[in-house]
Amino acid sequence: RLALAAKTQTEAERRPVFEALLGAGRGWPETDLRITAINANTG
């Protein structure tokens, strides 16, 4: 709720940072890679 109400960059403005870090077209590796995140509405 804090995050959804905050005034920040837009998603579109933020995404290029990670496209540059990872490569815009980079897919998932063969390694079992697990990335965690939290649902902003349900927690």
All heavy atoms as atom14 arrays in JSON, in Angstrom:
{
  "sequence": "RLALAAKTQTEAERRPVFEALLGAGRGWPETDLRITAINANTG",
  "atom14_mask": [
    [1, 1, 1, 1, 1, 1, 1, 1, 1, 1, 1, 0, 0, 0],
    [1, 1, 1, 1, 1, 1, 1, 1, 0, 0, 0, 0, 0, 0],
    [1, 1, 1, 1, 1, 0, 0, 0, 0, 0, 0, 0, 0, 0],
    [1, 1, 1, 1, 1, 1, 1, 1, 0, 0, 0, 0, 0, 0],
    [1, 1, 1, 1, 1, 0, 0, 0, 0, 0, 0, 0, 0, 0],
    [1, 1, 1, 1, 1, 0, 0, 0, 0, 0, 0, 0, 0, 0],
    [1, 1, 1, 1, 1, 1, 1, 1, 1, 0, 0, 0, 0, 0],
    [1, 1, 1, 1, 1, 1, 1, 0, 0, 0, 0, 0, 0, 0],
    [1, 1, 1, 1, 1, 1, 1, 1, 1, 0, 0, 0, 0, 0],
    [1, 1, 1, 1, 1, 1, 1, 0, 0, 0, 0, 0, 0, 0],
    [1, 1, 1, 1, 1, 1, 1, 1, 1, 0, 0, 0, 0, 0],
    [1, 1, 1, 1, 1, 0, 0, 0, 0, 0, 0, 0, 0, 0],
    [1, 1, 1, 1, 1, 1, 1, 1, 1, 0, 0, 0, 0, 0],
    [1, 1, 1, 1, 1, 1, 1, 1, 1, 1, 1, 0, 0, 0],
    [1, 1, 1, 1, 1, 1, 1, 1, 1, 1, 1, 0, 0, 0],
    [1, 1, 1, 1, 1, 1, 1, 0, 0, 0, 0, 0, 0, 0],
    [1, 1, 1, 1, 1, 1, 1, 0, 0, 0, 0, 0, 0, 0],
    [1, 1, 1, 1, 1, 1, 1, 1, 1, 1, 1, 0, 0, 0],
    [1, 1, 1, 1, 1, 1, 1, 1, 1, 0, 0, 0, 0, 0],
    [1, 1, 1, 1, 1, 0, 0, 0, 0, 0, 0, 0, 0, 0],
    [1, 1, 1, 1, 1, 1, 1, 1, 0, 0, 0, 0, 0, 0],
    [1, 1, 1, 1, 1, 1, 1, 1, 0, 0, 0, 0, 0, 0],
    [1, 1, 1, 1, 0, 0, 0, 0, 0, 0, 0, 0, 0, 0],
    [1, 1, 1, 1, 1, 0, 0, 0, 0, 0, 0, 0, 0, 0],
    [1, 1, 1, 1, 0, 0, 0, 0, 0, 0, 0, 0, 0, 0],
    [1, 1, 1, 1, 1, 1, 1, 1, 1, 1, 1, 0, 0, 0],
    [1, 1, 1, 1, 0, 0, 0, 0, 0, 0, 0, 0, 0, 0],
    [1, 1, 1, 1, 1, 1, 1, 1, 1, 1, 1, 1, 1, 1],
    [1, 1, 1, 1, 1, 1, 1, 0, 0, 0, 0, 0, 0, 0],
    [1, 1, 1, 1, 1, 1, 1, 1, 1, 0, 0, 0, 0, 0],
    [1, 1, 1, 1, 1, 1, 1, 0, 0, 0, 0, 0, 0, 0],
    [1, 1, 1, 1, 1, 1, 1, 1, 0, 0, 0, 0, 0, 0],
    [1, 1, 1, 1, 1, 1, 1, 1, 0, 0, 0, 0, 0, 0],
    [1, 1, 1, 1, 1, 1, 1, 1, 1, 1, 1, 0, 0, 0],
    [1, 1, 1, 1, 1, 1, 1, 1, 0, 0, 0, 0, 0, 0],
    [1, 1, 1, 1, 1, 1, 1, 0, 0, 0, 0, 0, 0, 0],
    [1, 1, 1, 1, 1, 0, 0, 0, 0, 0, 0, 0, 0, 0],
    [1, 1, 1, 1, 1, 1, 1, 1, 0, 0, 0, 0, 0, 0],
    [1, 1, 1, 1, 1, 1, 1, 1, 0, 0, 0, 0, 0, 0],
    [1, 1, 1, 1, 1, 0, 0, 0, 0, 0, 0, 0, 0, 0],
    [1, 1, 1, 1, 1, 1, 1, 1, 0, 0, 0, 0, 0, 0],
    [1, 1, 1, 1, 1, 1, 1, 0, 0, 0, 0, 0, 0, 0],
    [1, 1, 1, 1, 0, 0, 0, 0, 0, 0, 0, 0, 0, 0]
  ],
  "atom14_positions": [
    [[0.83, -1.21, 0.0], [0.0, 0.0, 0.0], [0.87, 1.26, 0.0], [0.56, 2.24, -0.68], [-0.94, 0.0, 1.21], [-2.07, -1.01, 1.09], [-3.17, -0.75, 2.1], [-2.77, -1.06, 3.45], [-2.87, -2.26, 4.02], [-3.35, -3.28, 3.31], [-2.52, -2.44, 5.27], [0.0, 0.0, 0.0], [0.0, 0.0, 0.0], [0.0, 0.0, 0.0]],
    [[1.95, 1.2, 0.76], [2.89, 2.33, 0.76], [3.46, 2.55, -0.64], [3.51, 3.67, -1.14], [4.02, 2.06, 1.76], [5.07, 3.15, 2.0], [5.74, 2.95, 3.37], [6.15, 3.19, 0.93], [0.0, 0.0, 0.0], [0.0, 0.0, 0.0], [0.0, 0.0, 0.0], [0.0, 0.0, 0.0], [0.0, 0.0, 0.0], [0.0, 0.0, 0.0]],
    [[3.86, 1.46, -1.27], [4.48, 1.54, -2.6], [3.5, 2.03, -3.65], [3.84, 2.85, -4.51], [5.03, 0.17, -3.0], [0.0, 0.0, 0.0], [0.0, 0.0, 0.0], [0.0, 0.0, 0.0], [0.0, 0.0, 0.0], [0.0, 0.0, 0.0], [0.0, 0.0, 0.0], [0.0, 0.0, 0.0], [0.0, 0.0, 0.0], [0.0, 0.0, 0.0]],
    [[2.27, 1.55, -3.61], [1.27, 1.93, -4.61], [0.87, 3.39, -4.5], [0.49, 4.02, -5.49], [0.03, 1.04, -4.46], [0.23, -0.43, -4.87], [-0.95, -1.27, -4.4], [0.42, -0.57, -6.36], [0.0, 0.0, 0.0], [0.0, 0.0, 0.0], [0.0, 0.0, 0.0], [0.0, 0.0, 0.0], [0.0, 0.0, 0.0], [0.0, 0.0, 0.0]],
    [[0.98, 3.95, -3.3], [0.59, 5.34, -3.08], [1.73, 6.33, -3.32], [1.49, 7.54, -3.45], [0.07, 5.52, -1.66], [0.0, 0.0, 0.0], [0.0, 0.0, 0.0], [0.0, 0.0, 0.0], [0.0, 0.0, 0.0], [0.0, 0.0, 0.0], [0.0, 0.0, 0.0], [0.0, 0.0, 0.0], [0.0, 0.0, 0.0], [0.0, 0.0, 0.0]],
    [[2.97, 5.83, -3.38], [4.14, 6.71, -3.48], [4.28, 7.3, -4.88], [3.91, 6.69, -5.89], [5.4, 5.93, -3.12], [0.0, 0.0, 0.0], [0.0, 0.0, 0.0], [0.0, 0.0, 0.0], [0.0, 0.0, 0.0], [0.0, 0.0, 0.0], [0.0, 0.0, 0.0], [0.0, 0.0, 0.0], [0.0, 0.0, 0.0], [0.0, 0.0, 0.0]],
    [[4.83, 8.51, -4.92], [5.13, 9.16, -6.19], [6.56, 8.82, -6.58], [7.52, 9.24, -5.92], [4.96, 10.68, -6.06], [3.52, 11.11, -5.83], [3.39, 12.62, -5.75], [1.95, 13.04, -5.53], [1.8, 14.52, -5.44], [0.0, 0.0, 0.0], [0.0, 0.0, 0.0], [0.0, 0.0, 0.0], [0.0, 0.0, 0.0], [0.0, 0.0, 0.0]],
    [[6.71, 8.04, -7.62], [8.03, 7.59, -8.07], [8.1, 7.69, -9.6], [7.16, 8.17, -10.24], [8.28, 6.13, -7.67], [7.35, 5.28, -8.38], [8.11, 5.91, -6.16], [0.0, 0.0, 0.0], [0.0, 0.0, 0.0], [0.0, 0.0, 0.0], [0.0, 0.0, 0.0], [0.0, 0.0, 0.0], [0.0, 0.0, 0.0], [0.0, 0.0, 0.0]],
    [[9.2, 7.2, -10.15], [9.25, 7.02, -11.6], [8.13, 6.08, -12.02], [7.59, 5.32, -11.21], [10.58, 6.38, -12.0], [11.79, 7.26, -11.96], [13.01, 6.5, -12.43], [13.28, 5.4, -11.96], [13.77, 7.08, -13.34], [0.0, 0.0, 0.0], [0.0, 0.0, 0.0], [0.0, 0.0, 0.0], [0.0, 0.0, 0.0], [0.0, 0.0, 0.0]],
    [[7.82, 6.07, -13.29], [6.9, 5.08, -13.82], [7.66, 3.79, -14.1], [8.89, 3.76, -14.16], [6.26, 5.57, -15.12], [7.28, 5.68, -16.14], [5.57, 6.91, -14.93], [0.0, 0.0, 0.0], [0.0, 0.0, 0.0], [0.0, 0.0, 0.0], [0.0, 0.0, 0.0], [0.0, 0.0, 0.0], [0.0, 0.0, 0.0], [0.0, 0.0, 0.0]],
    [[6.91, 2.72, -14.3], [7.54, 1.44, -14.66], [8.32, 1.58, -15.97], [9.41, 1.03, -16.11], [6.48, 0.36, -14.81], [5.79, -0.04, -13.53], [4.78, -1.14, -13.77], [5.17, -2.24, -14.23], [3.59, -0.91, -13.52], [0.0, 0.0, 0.0], [0.0, 0.0, 0.0], [0.0, 0.0, 0.0], [0.0, 0.0, 0.0], [0.0, 0.0, 0.0]],
    [[7.73, 2.29, -16.92], [8.37, 2.45, -18.22], [9.7, 3.2, -18.1], [10.65, 2.93, -18.85], [7.44, 3.19, -19.17], [0.0, 0.0, 0.0], [0.0, 0.0, 0.0], [0.0, 0.0, 0.0], [0.0, 0.0, 0.0], [0.0, 0.0, 0.0], [0.0, 0.0, 0.0], [0.0, 0.0, 0.0], [0.0, 0.0, 0.0], [0.0, 0.0, 0.0]],
    [[9.78, 4.14, -17.17], [11.03, 4.89, -16.97], [12.07, 4.05, -16.25], [13.26, 4.23, -16.47], [10.73, 6.16, -16.16], [9.93, 7.21, -16.93], [9.44, 8.33, -16.04], [9.23, 8.1, -14.83], [9.26, 9.45, -16.56], [0.0, 0.0, 0.0], [0.0, 0.0, 0.0], [0.0, 0.0, 0.0], [0.0, 0.0, 0.0], [0.0, 0.0, 0.0]],
    [[11.63, 3.14, -15.41], [12.55, 2.33, -14.6], [13.1, 1.12, -15.38], [14.26, 0.74, -15.21], [11.82, 1.85, -13.35], [12.64, 0.98, -12.39], [13.74, 1.74, -11.74], [14.43, 0.93, -10.74], [15.68, 1.12, -10.36], [16.39, 2.1, -10.88], [16.24, 0.36, -9.45], [0.0, 0.0, 0.0], [0.0, 0.0, 0.0], [0.0, 0.0, 0.0]],
    [[12.3, 0.54, -16.24], [12.66, -0.72, -16.88], [13.97, -0.69, -17.68], [14.73, -1.66, -17.66], [11.51, -1.19, -17.78], [11.58, -2.67, -18.15], [10.36, -3.09, -18.95], [10.23, -4.53, -19.01], [10.86, -5.31, -19.88], [11.67, -4.75, -20.77], [10.71, -6.61, -19.88], [0.0, 0.0, 0.0], [0.0, 0.0, 0.0], [0.0, 0.0, 0.0]],
    [[14.27, 0.4, -18.41], [15.51, 0.41, -19.2], [16.78, 0.18, -18.38], [17.78, -0.31, -18.91], [15.51, 1.81, -19.83], [14.07, 2.17, -19.93], [13.45, 1.6, -18.69], [0.0, 0.0, 0.0], [0.0, 0.0, 0.0], [0.0, 0.0, 0.0], [0.0, 0.0, 0.0], [0.0, 0.0, 0.0], [0.0, 0.0, 0.0], [0.0, 0.0, 0.0]],
    [[16.75, 0.51, -17.1], [17.92, 0.26, -16.24], [18.24, -1.23, -16.23], [19.4, -1.64, -16.36], [17.65, 0.75, -14.8], [18.78, 0.34, -13.86], [17.46, 2.26, -14.78], [0.0, 0.0, 0.0], [0.0, 0.0, 0.0], [0.0, 0.0, 0.0], [0.0, 0.0, 0.0], [0.0, 0.0, 0.0], [0.0, 0.0, 0.0], [0.0, 0.0, 0.0]],
    [[17.22, -2.06, -16.14], [17.42, -3.5, -16.04], [17.62, -4.13, -17.41], [18.28, -5.16, -17.53], [16.26, -4.13, -15.28], [16.22, -3.68, -13.85], [15.47, -2.59, -13.47], [17.0, -4.31, -12.9], [15.47, -2.14, -12.17], [17.01, -3.88, -11.59], [16.26, -2.79, -11.21], [0.0, 0.0, 0.0], [0.0, 0.0, 0.0], [0.0, 0.0, 0.0]],
    [[17.06, -3.52, -18.42], [17.35, -3.99, -19.78], [18.83, -3.8, -20.09], [19.45, -4.64, -20.75], [16.49, -3.23, -20.8], [15.01, -3.57, -20.7], [14.17, -2.77, -21.67], [14.65, -1.72, -22.15], [13.03, -3.18, -21.95], [0.0, 0.0, 0.0], [0.0, 0.0, 0.0], [0.0, 0.0, 0.0], [0.0, 0.0, 0.0], [0.0, 0.0, 0.0]],
    [[19.41, -2.71, -19.6], [20.83, -2.45, -19.8], [21.68, -3.42, -18.99], [22.72, -3.92, -19.46], [21.17, -1.01, -19.42], [0.0, 0.0, 0.0], [0.0, 0.0, 0.0], [0.0, 0.0, 0.0], [0.0, 0.0, 0.0], [0.0, 0.0, 0.0], [0.0, 0.0, 0.0], [0.0, 0.0, 0.0], [0.0, 0.0, 0.0], [0.0, 0.0, 0.0]],
    [[21.25, -3.72, -17.77], [22.01, -4.62, -16.9], [21.96, -6.07, -17.39], [22.98, -6.78, -17.35], [21.45, -4.57, -15.48], [21.81, -3.36, -14.61], [21.01, -3.39, -13.33], [23.31, -3.35, -14.3], [0.0, 0.0, 0.0], [0.0, 0.0, 0.0], [0.0, 0.0, 0.0], [0.0, 0.0, 0.0], [0.0, 0.0, 0.0], [0.0, 0.0, 0.0]],
    [[20.8, -6.49, -17.84], [20.6, -7.9, -18.16], [20.56, -8.19, -19.66], [20.76, -9.33, -20.07], [19.28, -8.39, -17.54], [19.15, -8.22, -16.02], [17.76, -8.68, -15.57], [20.22, -8.99, -15.29], [0.0, 0.0, 0.0], [0.0, 0.0, 0.0], [0.0, 0.0, 0.0], [0.0, 0.0, 0.0], [0.0, 0.0, 0.0], [0.0, 0.0, 0.0]],
    [[20.3, -7.16, -20.45], [20.08, -7.37, -21.87], [18.58, -7.44, -22.11], [17.88, -8.26, -21.5], [0.0, 0.0, 0.0], [0.0, 0.0, 0.0], [0.0, 0.0, 0.0], [0.0, 0.0, 0.0], [0.0, 0.0, 0.0], [0.0, 0.0, 0.0], [0.0, 0.0, 0.0], [0.0, 0.0, 0.0], [0.0, 0.0, 0.0], [0.0, 0.0, 0.0]],
    [[18.06, -6.58, -22.97], [16.61, -6.46, -23.17], [15.97, -7.78, -23.56], [14.84, -8.07, -23.17], [16.33, -5.39, -24.22], [0.0, 0.0, 0.0], [0.0, 0.0, 0.0], [0.0, 0.0, 0.0], [0.0, 0.0, 0.0], [0.0, 0.0, 0.0], [0.0, 0.0, 0.0], [0.0, 0.0, 0.0], [0.0, 0.0, 0.0], [0.0, 0.0, 0.0]],
    [[16.68, -8.59, -24.33], [16.08, -9.83, -24.81], [16.55, -11.07, -24.07], [16.24, -12.19, -24.49], [0.0, 0.0, 0.0], [0.0, 0.0, 0.0], [0.0, 0.0, 0.0], [0.0, 0.0, 0.0], [0.0, 0.0, 0.0], [0.0, 0.0, 0.0], [0.0, 0.0, 0.0], [0.0, 0.0, 0.0], [0.0, 0.0, 0.0], [0.0, 0.0, 0.0]],
    [[17.25, -10.9, -22.95], [17.79, -12.07, -22.26], [16.68, -12.9, -21.63], [15.83, -12.4, -20.9], [18.79, -11.66, -21.16], [19.34, -12.87, -20.4], [20.32, -12.49, -19.31], [21.59, -12.05, -19.86], [22.68, -11.82, -19.11], [22.64, -11.99, -17.81], [23.8, -11.42, -19.68], [0.0, 0.0, 0.0], [0.0, 0.0, 0.0], [0.0, 0.0, 0.0]],
    [[16.7, -14.2, -21.93], [15.72, -15.1, -21.35], [16.26, -15.74, -20.08], [17.36, -15.44, -19.62], [0.0, 0.0, 0.0], [0.0, 0.0, 0.0], [0.0, 0.0, 0.0], [0.0, 0.0, 0.0], [0.0, 0.0, 0.0], [0.0, 0.0, 0.0], [0.0, 0.0, 0.0], [0.0, 0.0, 0.0], [0.0, 0.0, 0.0], [0.0, 0.0, 0.0]],
    [[15.45, -16.62, -19.53], [15.87, -17.31, -18.32], [17.0, -18.29, -18.62], [16.99, -18.95, -19.66], [14.69, -18.06, -17.71], [13.68, -17.15, -17.09], [12.65, -16.53, -17.73], [13.61, -16.75, -15.71], [11.93, -15.75, -16.84], [12.49, -15.88, -15.59], [14.37, -17.05, -14.59], [12.13, -15.31, -14.38], [14.0, -16.48, -13.38], [12.9, -15.61, -13.28]],
    [[17.97, -18.41, -17.73], [19.09, -19.34, -17.96], [18.68, -20.78, -17.7], [17.6, -21.05, -17.15], [20.12, -18.87, -16.92], [19.29, -18.35, -15.79], [18.11, -17.67, -16.46], [0.0, 0.0, 0.0], [0.0, 0.0, 0.0], [0.0, 0.0, 0.0], [0.0, 0.0, 0.0], [0.0, 0.0, 0.0], [0.0, 0.0, 0.0], [0.0, 0.0, 0.0]],
    [[19.54, -21.7, -18.06], [19.28, -23.11, -17.79], [19.37, -23.42, -16.3], [18.7, -24.3, -15.78], [20.27, -23.99, -18.57], [20.02, -24.01, -20.06], [18.61, -24.49, -20.4], [18.2, -25.54, -19.84], [17.94, -23.82, -21.18], [0.0, 0.0, 0.0], [0.0, 0.0, 0.0], [0.0, 0.0, 0.0], [0.0, 0.0, 0.0], [0.0, 0.0, 0.0]],
    [[20.22, -22.68, -15.6], [20.33, -22.83, -14.15], [18.97, -22.63, -13.5], [18.17, -21.81, -13.95], [21.32, -21.79, -13.58], [22.6, -22.0, -14.16], [21.43, -21.9, -12.07], [0.0, 0.0, 0.0], [0.0, 0.0, 0.0], [0.0, 0.0, 0.0], [0.0, 0.0, 0.0], [0.0, 0.0, 0.0], [0.0, 0.0, 0.0], [0.0, 0.0, 0.0]],
    [[18.7, -23.37, -12.44], [17.47, -23.19, -11.67], [17.6, -21.87, -10.9], [18.19, -21.81, -9.83], [17.29, -24.36, -10.69], [15.97, -24.29, -9.93], [15.23, -23.31, -10.1], [15.69, -25.23, -9.15], [0.0, 0.0, 0.0], [0.0, 0.0, 0.0], [0.0, 0.0, 0.0], [0.0, 0.0, 0.0], [0.0, 0.0, 0.0], [0.0, 0.0, 0.0]],
    [[17.06, -20.82, -11.49], [17.13, -19.47, -10.92], [15.76, -19.08, -10.41], [14.77, -19.12, -11.15], [17.59, -18.48, -11.99], [17.54, -16.99, -11.62], [18.47, -16.67, -10.46], [17.89, -16.13, -12.84], [0.0, 0.0, 0.0], [0.0, 0.0, 0.0], [0.0, 0.0, 0.0], [0.0, 0.0, 0.0], [0.0, 0.0, 0.0], [0.0, 0.0, 0.0]],
    [[15.71, -18.66, -9.14], [14.44, -18.27, -8.53], [14.56, -16.84, -8.01], [15.46, -16.52, -7.24], [14.07, -19.23, -7.4], [14.0, -20.68, -7.87], [13.7, -21.66, -6.76], [13.96, -23.03, -7.19], [13.79, -24.11, -6.41], [13.37, -23.96, -5.17], [14.07, -25.31, -6.89], [0.0, 0.0, 0.0], [0.0, 0.0, 0.0], [0.0, 0.0, 0.0]],
    [[13.64, -16.0, -8.45], [13.63, -14.58, -8.12], [12.39, -14.28, -7.29], [11.27, -14.61, -7.7], [13.62, -13.71, -9.4], [14.82, -14.04, -10.3], [13.58, -12.24, -9.04], [16.15, -13.73, -9.7], [0.0, 0.0, 0.0], [0.0, 0.0, 0.0], [0.0, 0.0, 0.0], [0.0, 0.0, 0.0], [0.0, 0.0, 0.0], [0.0, 0.0, 0.0]],
    [[12.57, -13.62, -6.15], [11.45, -13.38, -5.24], [10.88, -11.97, -5.38], [11.61, -11.01, -5.62], [11.87, -13.59, -3.78], [12.84, -12.59, -3.41], [12.48, -14.97, -3.58], [0.0, 0.0, 0.0], [0.0, 0.0, 0.0], [0.0, 0.0, 0.0], [0.0, 0.0, 0.0], [0.0, 0.0, 0.0], [0.0, 0.0, 0.0], [0.0, 0.0, 0.0]],
    [[9.58, -11.87, -5.2], [8.88, -10.58, -5.16], [7.64, -10.74, -4.31], [7.23, -11.87, -3.99], [8.54, -10.11, -6.57], [0.0, 0.0, 0.0], [0.0, 0.0, 0.0], [0.0, 0.0, 0.0], [0.0, 0.0, 0.0], [0.0, 0.0, 0.0], [0.0, 0.0, 0.0], [0.0, 0.0, 0.0], [0.0, 0.0, 0.0], [0.0, 0.0, 0.0]],
    [[7.04, -9.62, -3.93], [5.86, -9.64, -3.07], [4.7, -8.99, -3.79], [4.84, -7.89, -4.36], [6.13, -8.87, -1.75], [7.38, -9.4, -1.05], [4.91, -8.94, -0.84], [7.34, -10.85, -0.66], [0.0, 0.0, 0.0], [0.0, 0.0, 0.0], [0.0, 0.0, 0.0], [0.0, 0.0, 0.0], [0.0, 0.0, 0.0], [0.0, 0.0, 0.0]],
    [[3.55, -9.64, -3.78], [2.35, -9.07, -4.38], [1.94, -7.83, -3.59], [1.69, -7.91, -2.39], [1.22, -10.11, -4.38], [0.0, -9.65, -5.14], [-0.6, -8.63, -4.84], [-0.39, -10.44, -6.15], [0.0, 0.0, 0.0], [0.0, 0.0, 0.0], [0.0, 0.0, 0.0], [0.0, 0.0, 0.0], [0.0, 0.0, 0.0], [0.0, 0.0, 0.0]],
    [[1.87, -6.7, -4.25], [1.62, -5.43, -3.57], [0.22, -5.33, -2.99], [-0.02, -4.55, -2.07], [1.86, -4.26, -4.53], [0.0, 0.0, 0.0], [0.0, 0.0, 0.0], [0.0, 0.0, 0.0], [0.0, 0.0, 0.0], [0.0, 0.0, 0.0], [0.0, 0.0, 0.0], [0.0, 0.0, 0.0], [0.0, 0.0, 0.0], [0.0, 0.0, 0.0]],
    [[-0.72, -6.12, -3.5], [-2.1, -6.05, -3.02], [-2.39, -7.1, -1.94], [-3.02, -6.79, -0.93], [-3.07, -6.23, -4.18], [-3.06, -5.04, -5.12], [-3.4, -3.93, -4.73], [-2.66, -5.26, -6.37], [0.0, 0.0, 0.0], [0.0, 0.0, 0.0], [0.0, 0.0, 0.0], [0.0, 0.0, 0.0], [0.0, 0.0, 0.0], [0.0, 0.0, 0.0]],
    [[-1.89, -8.3, -2.12], [-2.19, -9.37, -1.17], [-1.09, -9.57, -0.13], [-1.33, -10.16, 0.92], [-2.39, -10.71, -1.89], [-1.14, -11.14, -2.46], [-3.43, -10.58, -3.0], [0.0, 0.0, 0.0], [0.0, 0.0, 0.0], [0.0, 0.0, 0.0], [0.0, 0.0, 0.0], [0.0, 0.0, 0.0], [0.0, 0.0, 0.0], [0.0, 0.0, 0.0]],
    [[0.12, -9.11, -0.44], [1.25, -9.32, 0.46], [1.88, -10.69, 0.34], [2.82, -11.02, 1.07], [0.0, 0.0, 0.0], [0.0, 0.0, 0.0], [0.0, 0.0, 0.0], [0.0, 0.0, 0.0], [0.0, 0.0, 0.0], [0.0, 0.0, 0.0], [0.0, 0.0, 0.0], [0.0, 0.0, 0.0], [0.0, 0.0, 0.0], [0.0, 0.0, 0.0]]
  ]
}
